[in-house]
Every structure is written in structure tokens, then in C-alpha cells.
Protein backbone atom coordinates (compact mmCIF):
# COMPACT_ATOMS: atom_id res chain seq x y z
CA MET A 1 -28.82 148.78 -103.32
CA THR A 2 -32.33 147.95 -102.15
CA GLU A 3 -33.43 148.79 -98.63
CA ASP A 4 -33.49 145.12 -97.64
CA ALA A 5 -30.17 144.16 -99.24
CA LEU A 6 -27.27 143.02 -97.09
CA PRO A 7 -24.92 145.94 -96.48
CA ARG A 8 -21.71 145.88 -98.53
CA ALA A 9 -19.78 146.83 -95.39
CA ILE A 10 -20.03 143.27 -94.04
CA GLY A 11 -17.54 142.21 -96.70
CA LYS A 12 -17.49 139.87 -99.66
CA VAL A 13 -16.65 136.74 -97.69
CA ALA A 14 -19.49 137.21 -95.20
CA THR A 15 -21.91 138.08 -98.01
CA ARG A 16 -20.93 134.98 -99.98
CA GLU A 17 -21.11 132.65 -96.97
CA LEU A 18 -24.50 134.03 -95.90
CA ALA A 19 -25.79 133.52 -99.45
CA LEU A 20 -24.60 129.91 -99.37
CA HIS A 21 -26.84 129.49 -96.32
CA GLY A 22 -29.83 131.09 -98.06
CA ILE A 23 -29.45 134.51 -96.45
CA THR A 24 -29.41 137.25 -99.07
CA THR A 25 -31.44 140.02 -97.41
CA LEU A 26 -31.64 141.78 -94.05
CA SER A 27 -35.08 140.24 -93.54
CA GLU A 28 -33.61 136.75 -93.89
CA ALA A 29 -30.79 137.65 -91.50
CA ALA A 30 -33.36 138.92 -88.98
CA GLU A 31 -34.95 135.45 -88.96
CA ARG A 32 -31.80 134.02 -87.35
CA THR A 33 -30.04 134.46 -84.02
CA GLU A 34 -26.68 136.18 -83.79
CA ARG A 35 -25.27 132.89 -82.55
CA ASP A 36 -26.54 131.04 -85.64
CA LEU A 37 -24.98 133.62 -87.93
CA LEU A 38 -21.67 133.60 -86.06
CA ALA A 39 -21.53 129.83 -86.55
CA ILE A 40 -21.26 130.40 -90.31
CA HIS A 41 -17.65 130.36 -91.42
CA GLY A 42 -16.66 133.82 -92.65
CA VAL A 43 -19.24 135.71 -90.59
CA GLY A 44 -17.54 137.40 -87.67
CA PRO A 45 -18.29 139.94 -84.96
CA LYS A 46 -17.79 142.90 -87.33
CA ALA A 47 -20.38 141.57 -89.79
CA ILE A 48 -22.81 140.88 -86.93
CA ARG A 49 -22.34 144.41 -85.57
CA ILE A 50 -23.01 145.94 -88.97
CA LEU A 51 -26.07 143.75 -89.54
CA ARG A 52 -27.37 144.59 -86.05
CA GLU A 53 -26.97 148.32 -86.72
CA GLU A 54 -28.70 148.08 -90.12
CA LEU A 55 -31.57 146.09 -88.63
CA ALA A 56 -31.93 148.57 -85.76
CA ALA A 57 -32.07 151.45 -88.24
CA THR A 58 -35.21 149.87 -89.69
CA GLY A 59 -36.75 148.94 -86.34
CA ARG A 60 -35.82 145.27 -86.56
CA SER A 61 -33.47 142.92 -84.72
CA PHE A 62 -32.21 139.36 -84.76
CA VAL A 63 -34.30 136.59 -83.27
CA PRO A 64 -33.55 136.47 -79.50
């Protein structure tokens, strides 16, 4: 897995739904707000928490 890849821990459904919305990397996820991502069917609080933690580990965050 590349450093910028979406973490597998978010689950297959969340990964698939994010990809359908053009989000296939952490960098692309960081360009959105948590609210925008939560509005995507299949992306829930657990996926957001995992993404937030992965972004924080690399000094990044979601758009405020």
C-alpha cells in the first residue's frame, strides 16, 4: 500500500463509494470536509475516524 492510499481499515464499501466520487487517496480525502464525506452513502463515522487518524499521522487534516 502506498503512503497516500486510503487505509483498508475503512472497509470495502466506504472505499468503493469514495472511489465512485473520485476519492482514491488520502490527499483527495483531505480536500473535502468531514461533512461532505459523511454525506456519501457507505461512509460512516468509523471511516471518518480512521481517515482523520491517518491524515493526522501525516500532518494533514480535512478541510475545515
